[in-house]
Amino acid sequence: MAETEQLVPRTTARSERSPTVETAVVILGVFLLQVPLAFVGLFGIFALDPAVFLKPWALVTATYAHAGPGHLLGNMVPLIIFGFVVERVTTRWRYHLFFVVTGALAALTEVFLGGLLTLSPRGVLGASGAVFALMGYAVAGNDVSDWILDTLDAATDADWVVTAAVVLFAGTVAVLLSGPGTALVAHATGLLLGLVAGRLRLLHVTPQ
């Protein structure tokens, strides 16, 4: 009987096109577009704010737009670091969908929950929510994290302990890595989403 070749899905680890590089290029392109639009008073069209129903495109553009060079650089560095880790276990389209969805959810949480906590309406832009999600996936989506959480689960014999540990970790890291005036709620939300997705291996592609 002849041997059959195992079909292995083509993840970005085997592809020449990197979704992390593609994302970085899009972010730089949006930033270059923001500069001239700012001079004519249209900078705000990229930001997500409570008027999201009037400009639904901001659910996407807010993740790729940035307030300035420092803000841009602060997100590009961790994007490259954690993006390259995550892209090796998934496909380009899963990666991009994950980036857009987590970025939008983190931004929405910042706008509405963050605004509720501070009692003031707010707008938000930047890739930090999605970048924190990539960080969370890189941290939780590996065998070492599985062993730690499984050991904690077995030692306590209580499902809520692992959940509480993940939430506490997300909140603590978000506070430690968020500077003054940054979107703390978005960071915590993105990191939590990434940790849960990593724990569930939502982006992983298995041989078929």
N, C-alpha and C. Protein backbone atom coordinates (compact mmCIF):
# COMPACT_ATOMS: atom_id res chain seq x y z
N MET A 1 0.86 -1.20 0.00
CA MET A 1 0.00 0.00 0.00
C MET A 1 0.89 1.24 0.00
N ALA A 2 0.63 2.17 -0.90
CA ALA A 2 1.47 3.36 -1.02
C ALA A 2 1.23 4.31 0.13
N GLU A 3 2.31 5.00 0.52
CA GLU A 3 2.18 5.98 1.59
C GLU A 3 1.53 7.24 1.05
N THR A 4 0.67 7.84 1.87
CA THR A 4 0.03 9.10 1.48
C THR A 4 0.69 10.25 2.19
N GLU A 5 0.87 11.33 1.48
CA GLU A 5 1.52 12.51 2.06
C GLU A 5 0.53 13.28 2.93
N GLN A 6 0.96 13.61 4.12
CA GLN A 6 0.09 14.36 5.04
C GLN A 6 -0.05 15.79 4.57
N LEU A 7 -1.28 16.26 4.52
CA LEU A 7 -1.54 17.63 4.09
C LEU A 7 -1.43 18.56 5.29
N VAL A 8 -0.50 19.48 5.21
CA VAL A 8 -0.27 20.42 6.29
C VAL A 8 -0.71 21.80 5.86
N PRO A 9 -1.65 22.43 6.57
CA PRO A 9 -2.10 23.77 6.20
C PRO A 9 -0.94 24.74 6.13
N ARG A 10 -1.01 25.67 5.24
CA ARG A 10 0.07 26.62 5.03
C ARG A 10 -0.05 27.78 6.00
N THR A 11 0.66 27.72 7.10
CA THR A 11 0.67 28.83 8.05
C THR A 11 1.68 29.85 7.57
N THR A 12 1.71 31.00 8.21
CA THR A 12 2.64 32.04 7.79
C THR A 12 4.08 31.64 8.06
N ALA A 13 4.30 30.61 8.86
CA ALA A 13 5.66 30.13 9.07
C ALA A 13 6.21 29.49 7.80
N ARG A 14 5.31 29.06 6.90
CA ARG A 14 5.74 28.44 5.66
C ARG A 14 5.46 29.34 4.47
N SER A 15 4.96 30.51 4.71
CA SER A 15 4.58 31.42 3.63
C SER A 15 5.58 32.57 3.54
N GLU A 16 5.71 33.13 2.37
CA GLU A 16 6.63 34.26 2.19
C GLU A 16 6.01 35.58 2.63
N ARG A 17 4.69 35.62 2.79
CA ARG A 17 4.00 36.86 3.13
C ARG A 17 3.68 36.88 4.62
N SER A 18 4.16 37.89 5.29
CA SER A 18 3.97 38.02 6.73
C SER A 18 2.81 38.97 7.03
N PRO A 19 1.77 38.52 7.74
CA PRO A 19 0.67 39.42 8.09
C PRO A 19 1.11 40.51 9.07
N THR A 20 2.15 40.24 9.83
CA THR A 20 2.67 41.28 10.73
C THR A 20 3.26 42.43 9.92
N VAL A 21 4.04 42.09 8.91
CA VAL A 21 4.60 43.13 8.04
C VAL A 21 3.50 43.85 7.29
N GLU A 22 2.51 43.10 6.80
CA GLU A 22 1.39 43.72 6.10
C GLU A 22 0.64 44.69 7.01
N THR A 23 0.43 44.29 8.25
CA THR A 23 -0.26 45.16 9.21
C THR A 23 0.55 46.42 9.48
N ALA A 24 1.85 46.27 9.63
CA ALA A 24 2.72 47.43 9.87
C ALA A 24 2.68 48.39 8.68
N VAL A 25 2.64 47.85 7.47
CA VAL A 25 2.59 48.69 6.27
C VAL A 25 1.27 49.46 6.22
N VAL A 26 0.16 48.78 6.54
CA VAL A 26 -1.15 49.45 6.56
C VAL A 26 -1.17 50.56 7.60
N ILE A 27 -0.63 50.29 8.77
CA ILE A 27 -0.59 51.30 9.84
C ILE A 27 0.21 52.51 9.40
N LEU A 28 1.36 52.29 8.78
CA LEU A 28 2.18 53.41 8.29
C LEU A 28 1.43 54.17 7.19
N GLY A 29 0.75 53.44 6.31
CA GLY A 29 -0.01 54.10 5.25
C GLY A 29 -1.13 54.98 5.79
N VAL A 30 -1.85 54.47 6.78
CA VAL A 30 -2.92 55.25 7.40
C VAL A 30 -2.35 56.48 8.09
N PHE A 31 -1.21 56.32 8.75
CA PHE A 31 -0.60 57.47 9.43
C PHE A 31 -0.20 58.55 8.43
N LEU A 32 0.35 58.17 7.29
CA LEU A 32 0.72 59.14 6.27
C LEU A 32 -0.51 59.83 5.69
N LEU A 33 -1.63 59.11 5.66
CA LEU A 33 -2.88 59.70 5.20
C LEU A 33 -3.45 60.67 6.23
N GLN A 34 -3.21 60.36 7.51
CA GLN A 34 -3.73 61.22 8.57
C GLN A 34 -3.11 62.61 8.55
N VAL A 35 -1.84 62.69 8.17
CA VAL A 35 -1.11 63.96 8.25
C VAL A 35 -1.77 65.06 7.42
N PRO A 36 -2.01 64.87 6.12
CA PRO A 36 -2.66 65.94 5.36
C PRO A 36 -4.12 66.18 5.78
N LEU A 37 -4.81 65.11 6.17
CA LEU A 37 -6.21 65.28 6.58
C LEU A 37 -6.32 66.08 7.87
N ALA A 38 -5.29 66.01 8.72
CA ALA A 38 -5.31 66.77 9.96
C ALA A 38 -5.30 68.27 9.69
N PHE A 39 -4.66 68.68 8.60
CA PHE A 39 -4.58 70.11 8.27
C PHE A 39 -5.91 70.68 7.81
N VAL A 40 -6.82 69.80 7.36
CA VAL A 40 -8.13 70.28 6.91
C VAL A 40 -9.22 69.90 7.90
N GLY A 41 -8.81 69.53 9.12
CA GLY A 41 -9.77 69.27 10.19
C GLY A 41 -10.48 67.94 10.11
N LEU A 42 -9.92 66.96 9.42
CA LEU A 42 -10.58 65.67 9.27
C LEU A 42 -9.87 64.56 10.04
N PHE A 43 -9.02 64.93 10.96
CA PHE A 43 -8.28 63.93 11.74
C PHE A 43 -9.23 63.03 12.52
N GLY A 44 -10.33 63.59 13.00
CA GLY A 44 -11.26 62.85 13.85
C GLY A 44 -12.04 61.76 13.15
N ILE A 45 -12.00 61.72 11.81
CA ILE A 45 -12.80 60.70 11.12
C ILE A 45 -12.24 59.30 11.36
N PHE A 46 -10.99 59.20 11.81
CA PHE A 46 -10.40 57.88 12.06
C PHE A 46 -10.74 57.34 13.44
N ALA A 47 -11.04 58.23 14.39
CA ALA A 47 -11.19 57.83 15.79
C ALA A 47 -12.56 57.21 16.05
N LEU A 48 -12.57 56.26 16.97
CA LEU A 48 -13.82 55.66 17.43
C LEU A 48 -14.30 56.42 18.65
N ASP A 49 -15.55 56.84 18.64
CA ASP A 49 -16.12 57.59 19.76
C ASP A 49 -17.57 57.15 19.95
N PRO A 50 -18.28 57.74 20.91
CA PRO A 50 -19.67 57.32 21.14
C PRO A 50 -20.59 57.44 19.94
N ALA A 51 -20.18 58.23 18.94
CA ALA A 51 -21.00 58.37 17.73
C ALA A 51 -20.63 57.31 16.70
N VAL A 52 -20.31 56.12 17.15
CA VAL A 52 -19.86 55.04 16.26
C VAL A 52 -20.92 54.67 15.24
N PHE A 53 -22.19 54.83 15.57
CA PHE A 53 -23.26 54.46 14.64
C PHE A 53 -23.33 55.43 13.46
N LEU A 54 -22.73 56.62 13.62
CA LEU A 54 -22.70 57.59 12.53
C LEU A 54 -21.49 57.41 11.63
N LYS A 55 -20.47 56.75 12.13
CA LYS A 55 -19.28 56.47 11.32
C LYS A 55 -18.76 55.07 11.66
N PRO A 56 -19.47 54.05 11.21
CA PRO A 56 -19.11 52.66 11.54
C PRO A 56 -17.73 52.24 11.04
N TRP A 57 -17.21 52.94 10.01
CA TRP A 57 -15.88 52.59 9.50
C TRP A 57 -14.80 52.77 10.56
N ALA A 58 -15.10 53.59 11.59
CA ALA A 58 -14.11 53.83 12.65
C ALA A 58 -13.83 52.57 13.47
N LEU A 59 -14.73 51.59 13.40
CA LEU A 59 -14.47 50.31 14.07
C LEU A 59 -13.19 49.67 13.54
N VAL A 60 -12.85 49.97 12.29
CA VAL A 60 -11.63 49.44 11.69
C VAL A 60 -10.52 50.48 11.69
N THR A 61 -10.83 51.70 11.24
CA THR A 61 -9.78 52.71 11.09
C THR A 61 -9.15 53.12 12.42
N ALA A 62 -9.93 53.06 13.51
CA ALA A 62 -9.39 53.46 14.81
C ALA A 62 -8.23 52.56 15.24
N THR A 63 -8.24 51.31 14.81
CA THR A 63 -7.18 50.38 15.19
C THR A 63 -5.89 50.68 14.44
N TYR A 64 -6.00 51.20 13.22
CA TYR A 64 -4.81 51.43 12.39
C TYR A 64 -4.31 52.87 12.44
N ALA A 65 -5.09 53.78 13.02
CA ALA A 65 -4.70 55.19 13.10
C ALA A 65 -4.01 55.48 14.43
N HIS A 66 -3.17 56.53 14.44
CA HIS A 66 -2.42 56.88 15.65
C HIS A 66 -2.35 58.38 15.83
N ALA A 67 -2.13 58.79 17.07
CA ALA A 67 -2.19 60.21 17.41
C ALA A 67 -0.91 60.96 17.06
N GLY A 68 0.20 60.26 16.88
CA GLY A 68 1.46 60.92 16.58
C GLY A 68 2.59 59.92 16.42
N PRO A 69 3.79 60.40 16.07
CA PRO A 69 4.93 59.49 15.86
C PRO A 69 5.27 58.64 17.08
N GLY A 70 5.22 59.24 18.27
CA GLY A 70 5.52 58.49 19.49
C GLY A 70 4.52 57.38 19.74
N HIS A 71 3.25 57.71 19.55
CA HIS A 71 2.18 56.73 19.70
C HIS A 71 2.35 55.60 18.69
N LEU A 72 2.69 55.97 17.47
CA LEU A 72 2.90 54.99 16.40
C LEU A 72 4.06 54.05 16.74
N LEU A 73 5.19 54.61 17.14
CA LEU A 73 6.36 53.80 17.45
C LEU A 73 6.10 52.89 18.65
N GLY A 74 5.39 53.41 19.64
CA GLY A 74 5.09 52.63 20.83
C GLY A 74 4.26 51.39 20.55
N ASN A 75 3.49 51.42 19.47
CA ASN A 75 2.69 50.24 19.10
C ASN A 75 3.39 49.36 18.07
N MET A 76 4.22 49.95 17.24
CA MET A 76 4.88 49.18 16.19
C MET A 76 5.89 48.18 16.76
N VAL A 77 6.61 48.57 17.80
CA VAL A 77 7.63 47.68 18.36
C VAL A 77 7.02 46.39 18.92
N PRO A 78 6.03 46.48 19.83
CA PRO A 78 5.43 45.23 20.32
C PRO A 78 4.64 44.48 19.24
N LEU A 79 4.12 45.20 18.24
CA LEU A 79 3.45 44.52 17.12
C LEU A 79 4.42 43.58 16.42
N ILE A 80 5.62 44.06 16.14
CA ILE A 80 6.62 43.24 15.47
C ILE A 80 7.01 42.05 16.35
N ILE A 81 7.22 42.31 17.64
CA ILE A 81 7.68 41.25 18.55
C ILE A 81 6.65 40.14 18.68
N PHE A 82 5.44 40.50 19.06
CA PHE A 82 4.42 39.48 19.33
C PHE A 82 3.73 39.00 18.05
N GLY A 83 3.66 39.88 17.05
CA GLY A 83 3.05 39.49 15.79
C GLY A 83 3.80 38.35 15.12
N PHE A 84 5.13 38.43 15.13
CA PHE A 84 5.93 37.37 14.51
C PHE A 84 5.76 36.04 15.25
N VAL A 85 5.51 36.11 16.55
CA VAL A 85 5.30 34.87 17.32
C VAL A 85 3.96 34.24 16.94
N VAL A 86 2.91 35.04 16.92
CA VAL A 86 1.57 34.50 16.66
C VAL A 86 1.41 34.04 15.22
N GLU A 87 2.00 34.76 14.28
CA GLU A 87 1.78 34.41 12.87
C GLU A 87 2.35 33.05 12.50
N ARG A 88 3.24 32.51 13.29
CA ARG A 88 3.86 31.22 12.97
C ARG A 88 2.92 30.04 13.22
N VAL A 89 1.82 30.27 13.93
CA VAL A 89 0.91 29.16 14.23
C VAL A 89 -0.43 29.30 13.53
N THR A 90 -0.58 30.33 12.69
CA THR A 90 -1.88 30.58 12.09
C THR A 90 -1.73 30.97 10.63
N THR A 91 -2.83 31.36 10.01
CA THR A 91 -2.82 31.78 8.62
C THR A 91 -2.96 33.30 8.54
N ARG A 92 -2.67 33.83 7.38
CA ARG A 92 -2.73 35.29 7.20
C ARG A 92 -4.12 35.83 7.50
N TRP A 93 -5.14 35.17 6.97
CA TRP A 93 -6.49 35.71 7.14
C TRP A 93 -6.99 35.59 8.57
N ARG A 94 -6.65 34.51 9.25
CA ARG A 94 -7.02 34.39 10.66
C ARG A 94 -6.33 35.48 11.47
N TYR A 95 -5.08 35.71 11.16
CA TYR A 95 -4.30 36.75 11.86
C TYR A 95 -4.96 38.11 11.68
N HIS A 96 -5.24 38.49 10.43
CA HIS A 96 -5.83 39.81 10.17
C HIS A 96 -7.21 39.95 10.80
N LEU A 97 -8.02 38.89 10.72
CA LEU A 97 -9.35 38.94 11.33
C LEU A 97 -9.24 39.11 12.84
N PHE A 98 -8.33 38.38 13.45
CA PHE A 98 -8.10 38.49 14.89
C PHE A 98 -7.68 39.91 15.26
N PHE A 99 -6.80 40.50 14.48
CA PHE A 99 -6.31 41.85 14.75
C PHE A 99 -7.44 42.87 14.67
N VAL A 100 -8.25 42.77 13.63
CA VAL A 100 -9.35 43.73 13.45
C VAL A 100 -10.41 43.58 14.53
N VAL A 101 -10.81 42.33 14.81
CA VAL A 101 -11.89 42.09 15.78
C VAL A 101 -11.47 42.48 17.19
N THR A 102 -10.29 42.05 17.62
CA THR A 102 -9.85 42.40 18.97
C THR A 102 -9.61 43.90 19.10
N GLY A 103 -9.10 44.52 18.04
CA GLY A 103 -8.90 45.97 18.09
C GLY A 103 -10.21 46.72 18.23
N ALA A 104 -11.23 46.28 17.49
CA ALA A 104 -12.54 46.92 17.56
C ALA A 104 -13.20 46.71 18.91
N LEU A 105 -13.14 45.49 19.44
CA LEU A 105 -13.76 45.21 20.74
C LEU A 105 -13.06 45.97 21.86
N ALA A 106 -11.74 46.04 21.80
CA ALA A 106 -10.99 46.79 22.82
C ALA A 106 -11.34 48.27 22.76
N ALA A 107 -11.45 48.81 21.54
CA ALA A 107 -11.79 50.23 21.39
C ALA A 107 -13.20 50.52 21.88
N LEU A 108 -14.15 49.64 21.55
CA LEU A 108 -15.53 49.84 22.01
C LEU A 108 -15.61 49.80 23.53
N THR A 109 -14.87 48.90 24.14
CA THR A 109 -14.87 48.81 25.60
C THR A 109 -14.29 50.08 26.22
N GLU A 110 -13.23 50.59 25.61
CA GLU A 110 -12.63 51.83 26.12
C GLU A 110 -13.59 53.00 26.00
N VAL A 111 -14.27 53.10 24.86
CA VAL A 111 -15.18 54.22 24.62
C VAL A 111 -16.35 54.20 25.60
N PHE A 112 -16.98 53.04 25.76
CA PHE A 112 -18.20 53.00 26.56
C PHE A 112 -17.96 52.68 28.03
N LEU A 113 -17.18 51.63 28.32
CA LEU A 113 -16.91 51.31 29.71
C LEU A 113 -15.94 52.32 30.32
N GLY A 114 -14.89 52.67 29.57
CA GLY A 114 -13.95 53.67 30.06
C GLY A 114 -14.62 55.02 30.26
N GLY A 115 -15.49 55.39 29.32
CA GLY A 115 -16.22 56.64 29.47
C GLY A 115 -17.17 56.62 30.65
N LEU A 116 -17.75 55.45 30.92
CA LEU A 116 -18.65 55.33 32.07
C LEU A 116 -17.88 55.45 33.39
N LEU A 117 -16.69 54.86 33.44
CA LEU A 117 -15.89 54.91 34.66
C LEU A 117 -15.38 56.33 34.95
N THR A 118 -15.08 57.08 33.90
CA THR A 118 -14.56 58.43 34.08
C THR A 118 -15.65 59.50 34.00
N LEU A 119 -16.86 59.05 33.67
CA LEU A 119 -18.01 59.96 33.55
C LEU A 119 -17.79 61.04 32.50
N SER A 120 -17.04 60.69 31.45
CA SER A 120 -16.80 61.66 30.38
C SER A 120 -16.69 60.92 29.06
N PRO A 121 -17.35 61.43 28.00
CA PRO A 121 -17.26 60.79 26.69
C PRO A 121 -15.82 60.80 26.21
N ARG A 122 -15.43 59.79 25.47
CA ARG A 122 -14.06 59.74 24.98
C ARG A 122 -13.99 59.10 23.61
N GLY A 123 -12.96 59.48 22.87
CA GLY A 123 -12.66 58.85 21.60
C GLY A 123 -11.35 58.10 21.75
N VAL A 124 -11.11 57.16 20.88
CA VAL A 124 -9.91 56.35 20.99
C VAL A 124 -9.40 55.97 19.61
N LEU A 125 -8.10 55.90 19.48
CA LEU A 125 -7.49 55.37 18.27
C LEU A 125 -6.13 54.77 18.62
N GLY A 126 -5.67 53.86 17.79
CA GLY A 126 -4.39 53.20 18.04
C GLY A 126 -4.53 51.69 18.02
N ALA A 127 -3.43 51.02 17.72
CA ALA A 127 -3.43 49.56 17.59
C ALA A 127 -3.16 48.85 18.91
N SER A 128 -3.06 49.58 20.01
CA SER A 128 -2.63 48.96 21.27
C SER A 128 -3.56 47.86 21.75
N GLY A 129 -4.88 48.02 21.56
CA GLY A 129 -5.80 46.96 21.99
C GLY A 129 -5.54 45.66 21.26
N ALA A 130 -5.35 45.74 19.94
CA ALA A 130 -5.05 44.55 19.14
C ALA A 130 -3.66 44.01 19.44
N VAL A 131 -2.71 44.90 19.70
CA VAL A 131 -1.35 44.47 20.03
C VAL A 131 -1.33 43.74 21.37
N PHE A 132 -2.08 44.24 22.35
CA PHE A 132 -2.18 43.54 23.62
C PHE A 132 -2.84 42.17 23.44
N ALA A 133 -3.76 42.07 22.48
CA ALA A 133 -4.38 40.77 22.20
C ALA A 133 -3.36 39.80 21.62
N LEU A 134 -2.50 40.28 20.75
CA LEU A 134 -1.42 39.44 20.22
C LEU A 134 -0.49 38.99 21.35
N MET A 135 -0.20 39.92 22.25
CA MET A 135 0.64 39.59 23.40
C MET A 135 -0.01 38.49 24.24
N GLY A 136 -1.30 38.65 24.51
CA GLY A 136 -2.01 37.66 25.30
C GLY A 136 -2.02 36.30 24.64
N TYR A 137 -2.19 36.29 23.31
CA TYR A 137 -2.20 35.01 22.60
C TYR A 137 -0.83 34.35 22.67
N ALA A 138 0.23 35.14 22.50
CA ALA A 138 1.59 34.60 22.56
C ALA A 138 1.89 34.03 23.94
N VAL A 139 1.36 34.68 24.98
CA VAL A 139 1.61 34.22 26.36
C VAL A 139 0.83 32.95 26.67
N ALA A 140 -0.45 32.91 26.27
CA ALA A 140 -1.31 31.78 26.67
C ALA A 140 -1.34 30.64 25.67
N GLY A 141 -0.99 30.91 24.42
CA GLY A 141 -1.12 29.87 23.40
C GLY A 141 0.09 28.99 23.24
N ASN A 142 0.59 28.46 24.34
CA ASN A 142 1.76 27.58 24.27
C ASN A 142 1.66 26.51 25.36
N ASP A 143 2.50 25.50 25.26
CA ASP A 143 2.43 24.35 26.17
C ASP A 143 2.82 24.71 27.61
N VAL A 144 3.72 25.67 27.78
CA VAL A 144 4.13 26.06 29.13
C VAL A 144 2.96 26.67 29.89
N SER A 145 2.25 27.57 29.24
CA SER A 145 1.08 28.19 29.88
C SER A 145 0.00 27.15 30.16
N ASP A 146 -0.18 26.21 29.24
CA ASP A 146 -1.15 25.14 29.47
C ASP A 146 -0.80 24.36 30.73
N TRP A 147 0.47 24.04 30.88
CA TRP A 147 0.90 23.26 32.05
C TRP A 147 0.67 24.03 33.34
N ILE A 148 0.98 25.34 33.32
CA ILE A 148 0.80 26.16 34.52
C ILE A 148 -0.68 26.24 34.90
N LEU A 149 -1.53 26.54 33.93
CA LEU A 149 -2.95 26.70 34.22
C LEU A 149 -3.61 25.36 34.57
N ASP A 150 -3.20 24.30 33.88
CA ASP A 150 -3.75 22.98 34.20
C ASP A 150 -3.34 22.54 35.60
N THR A 151 -2.09 22.86 35.98
CA THR A 151 -1.62 22.52 37.32
C THR A 151 -2.39 23.31 38.38
N LEU A 152 -2.62 24.60 38.10
CA LEU A 152 -3.40 25.44 39.02
C LEU A 152 -4.82 24.93 39.14
N ASP A 153 -5.39 24.53 38.02
CA ASP A 153 -6.76 24.02 38.02
C ASP A 153 -6.86 22.72 38.83
N ALA A 154 -5.89 21.83 38.65
CA ALA A 154 -5.91 20.55 39.37
C ALA A 154 -5.65 20.75 40.86
N ALA A 155 -4.80 21.71 41.20
CA ALA A 155 -4.45 21.92 42.60
C ALA A 155 -5.59 22.54 43.40
N THR A 156 -6.40 23.37 42.74
CA THR A 156 -7.47 24.07 43.46
C THR A 156 -8.81 23.36 43.32
N ASP A 157 -8.96 22.57 42.24
CA ASP A 157 -10.22 21.86 41.98
C ASP A 157 -11.40 22.81 41.91
N ALA A 158 -11.14 24.00 41.35
CA ALA A 158 -12.20 25.00 41.20
C ALA A 158 -11.98 25.74 39.89
N ASP A 159 -12.98 25.69 39.00
CA ASP A 159 -12.83 26.31 37.68
C ASP A 159 -12.65 27.82 37.76
N TRP A 160 -13.27 28.45 38.75
CA TRP A 160 -13.22 29.90 38.82
C TRP A 160 -11.83 30.42 39.15
N VAL A 161 -10.99 29.59 39.73
CA VAL A 161 -9.65 30.04 40.11
C VAL A 161 -8.82 30.37 38.88
N VAL A 162 -8.87 29.51 37.86
CA VAL A 162 -8.14 29.77 36.62
C VAL A 162 -8.67 31.03 35.94
N THR A 163 -9.99 31.17 35.91
CA THR A 163 -10.60 32.36 35.31
C THR A 163 -10.15 33.62 36.04
N ALA A 164 -10.19 33.57 37.37
CA ALA A 164 -9.78 34.72 38.16
C ALA A 164 -8.30 35.03 37.95
N ALA A 165 -7.48 33.99 37.83
CA ALA A 165 -6.05 34.19 37.62
C ALA A 165 -5.78 34.88 36.28
N VAL A 166 -6.50 34.46 35.25
CA VAL A 166 -6.32 35.05 33.93
C VAL A 166 -6.76 36.51 33.93
N VAL A 167 -7.91 36.80 34.55
CA VAL A 167 -8.41 38.17 34.61
C VAL A 167 -7.46 39.05 35.43
N LEU A 168 -6.99 38.54 36.55
CA LEU A 168 -6.06 39.29 37.39
C LEU A 168 -4.75 39.57 36.66
N PHE A 169 -4.27 38.56 35.94
CA PHE A 169 -3.04 38.73 35.17
C PHE A 169 -3.21 39.81 34.10
N ALA A 170 -4.35 39.77 33.38
CA ALA A 170 -4.62 40.75 32.33
C ALA A 170 -4.68 42.16 32.91
N GLY A 171 -5.37 42.33 34.01
CA GLY A 171 -5.48 43.64 34.61
C GLY A 171 -4.15 44.16 35.13
N THR A 172 -3.38 43.31 35.77
CA THR A 172 -2.09 43.72 36.32
C THR A 172 -1.11 44.13 35.23
N VAL A 173 -1.00 43.30 34.20
CA VAL A 173 -0.08 43.60 33.10
C VAL A 173 -0.50 44.87 32.37
N ALA A 174 -1.80 45.04 32.17
CA ALA A 174 -2.29 46.24 31.49
C ALA A 174 -1.93 47.49 32.28
N VAL A 175 -2.07 47.45 33.58
CA VAL A 175 -1.73 48.60 34.42
C VAL A 175 -0.23 48.87 34.37
N LEU A 176 0.58 47.82 34.45
CA LEU A 176 2.03 47.98 34.46
C LEU A 176 2.58 48.51 33.14
N LEU A 177 1.94 48.13 32.03
CA LEU A 177 2.44 48.50 30.71
C LEU A 177 1.73 49.70 30.10
N SER A 178 0.81 50.28 30.82
CA SER A 178 0.06 51.43 30.30
C SER A 178 0.54 52.71 30.98
N GLY A 179 0.93 53.66 30.18
CA GLY A 179 1.38 54.94 30.72
C GLY A 179 0.22 55.86 31.03
N PRO A 180 0.52 57.01 31.63
CA PRO A 180 -0.54 57.99 31.95
C PRO A 180 -1.25 58.46 30.68
N GLY A 181 -2.56 58.56 30.77
CA GLY A 181 -3.34 59.05 29.66
C GLY A 181 -3.57 58.05 28.54
N THR A 182 -3.18 56.80 28.74
CA THR A 182 -3.39 55.79 27.71
C THR A 182 -4.71 55.05 27.95
N ALA A 183 -5.09 54.25 26.98
CA ALA A 183 -6.38 53.55 27.03
C ALA A 183 -6.25 52.28 27.86
N LEU A 184 -6.27 52.42 29.17
CA LEU A 184 -6.07 51.29 30.07
C LEU A 184 -7.13 50.22 29.90
N VAL A 185 -8.39 50.62 29.77
CA VAL A 185 -9.48 49.66 29.62
C VAL A 185 -9.32 48.87 28.32
N ALA A 186 -8.93 49.55 27.24
CA ALA A 186 -8.71 48.88 25.96
C ALA A 186 -7.55 47.90 26.05
N HIS A 187 -6.49 48.29 26.75
CA HIS A 187 -5.34 47.40 26.90
C HIS A 187 -5.73 46.13 27.66
N ALA A 188 -6.44 46.30 28.77
CA ALA A 188 -6.86 45.15 29.57
C ALA A 188 -7.81 44.25 28.79
N THR A 189 -8.72 44.88 28.03
CA THR A 189 -9.66 44.10 27.23
C THR A 189 -8.95 43.30 26.15
N GLY A 190 -8.05 43.96 25.43
CA GLY A 190 -7.30 43.28 24.38
C GLY A 190 -6.47 42.13 24.93
N LEU A 191 -5.80 42.37 26.04
CA LEU A 191 -4.97 41.32 26.64
C LEU A 191 -5.82 40.15 27.10
N LEU A 192 -6.96 40.44 27.71
CA LEU A 192 -7.86 39.38 28.17
C LEU A 192 -8.38 38.56 26.99
N LEU A 193 -8.77 39.23 25.92
CA LEU A 193 -9.24 38.53 24.73
C LEU A 193 -8.14 37.63 24.16
N GLY A 194 -6.91 38.14 24.14
CA GLY A 194 -5.81 37.35 23.63
C GLY A 194 -5.49 36.15 24.51
N LEU A 195 -5.56 36.33 25.82
CA LEU A 195 -5.31 35.22 26.74
C LEU A 195 -6.34 34.12 26.57
N VAL A 196 -7.60 34.49 26.47
CA VAL A 196 -8.67 33.50 26.29
C VAL A 196 -8.52 32.79 24.95
N ALA A 197 -8.26 33.58 23.89
CA ALA A 197 -8.09 32.98 22.56
C ALA A 197 -6.89 32.05 22.53
N GLY A 198 -5.81 32.43 23.19
CA GLY A 198 -4.63 31.59 23.24
C GLY A 198 -4.88 30.32 24.01
N ARG A 199 -5.59 30.42 25.11
CA ARG A 199 -5.92 29.25 25.91
C ARG A 199 -6.76 28.26 25.10
N LEU A 200 -7.65 28.79 24.25
CA LEU A 200 -8.51 27.95 23.42
C LEU A 200 -7.88 27.58 22.08
N ARG A 201 -6.69 28.16 21.80
CA ARG A 201 -5.98 27.90 20.53
C ARG A 201 -6.86 28.27 19.31
N LEU A 202 -7.53 29.39 19.40
CA LEU A 202 -8.46 29.79 18.32
C LEU A 202 -7.77 30.04 16.99
N LEU A 203 -6.52 30.49 17.04
CA LEU A 203 -5.82 30.80 15.80
C LEU A 203 -4.96 29.65 15.28
N HIS A 204 -4.71 28.68 16.12
CA HIS A 204 -3.83 27.58 15.73
C HIS A 204 -4.41 26.79 14.56
N VAL A 205 -3.54 26.40 13.67
CA VAL A 205 -3.92 25.56 12.55
C VAL A 205 -3.28 24.20 12.75
N THR A 206 -4.09 23.15 12.76
CA THR A 206 -3.59 21.80 12.98
C THR A 206 -3.52 21.04 11.67
N PRO A 207 -2.58 20.11 11.56
CA PRO A 207 -2.47 19.32 10.32
C PRO A 207 -3.75 18.53 10.07
N GLN A 208 -4.12 18.43 8.78
CA GLN A 208 -5.32 17.70 8.40
C GLN A 208 -4.96 16.62 7.38
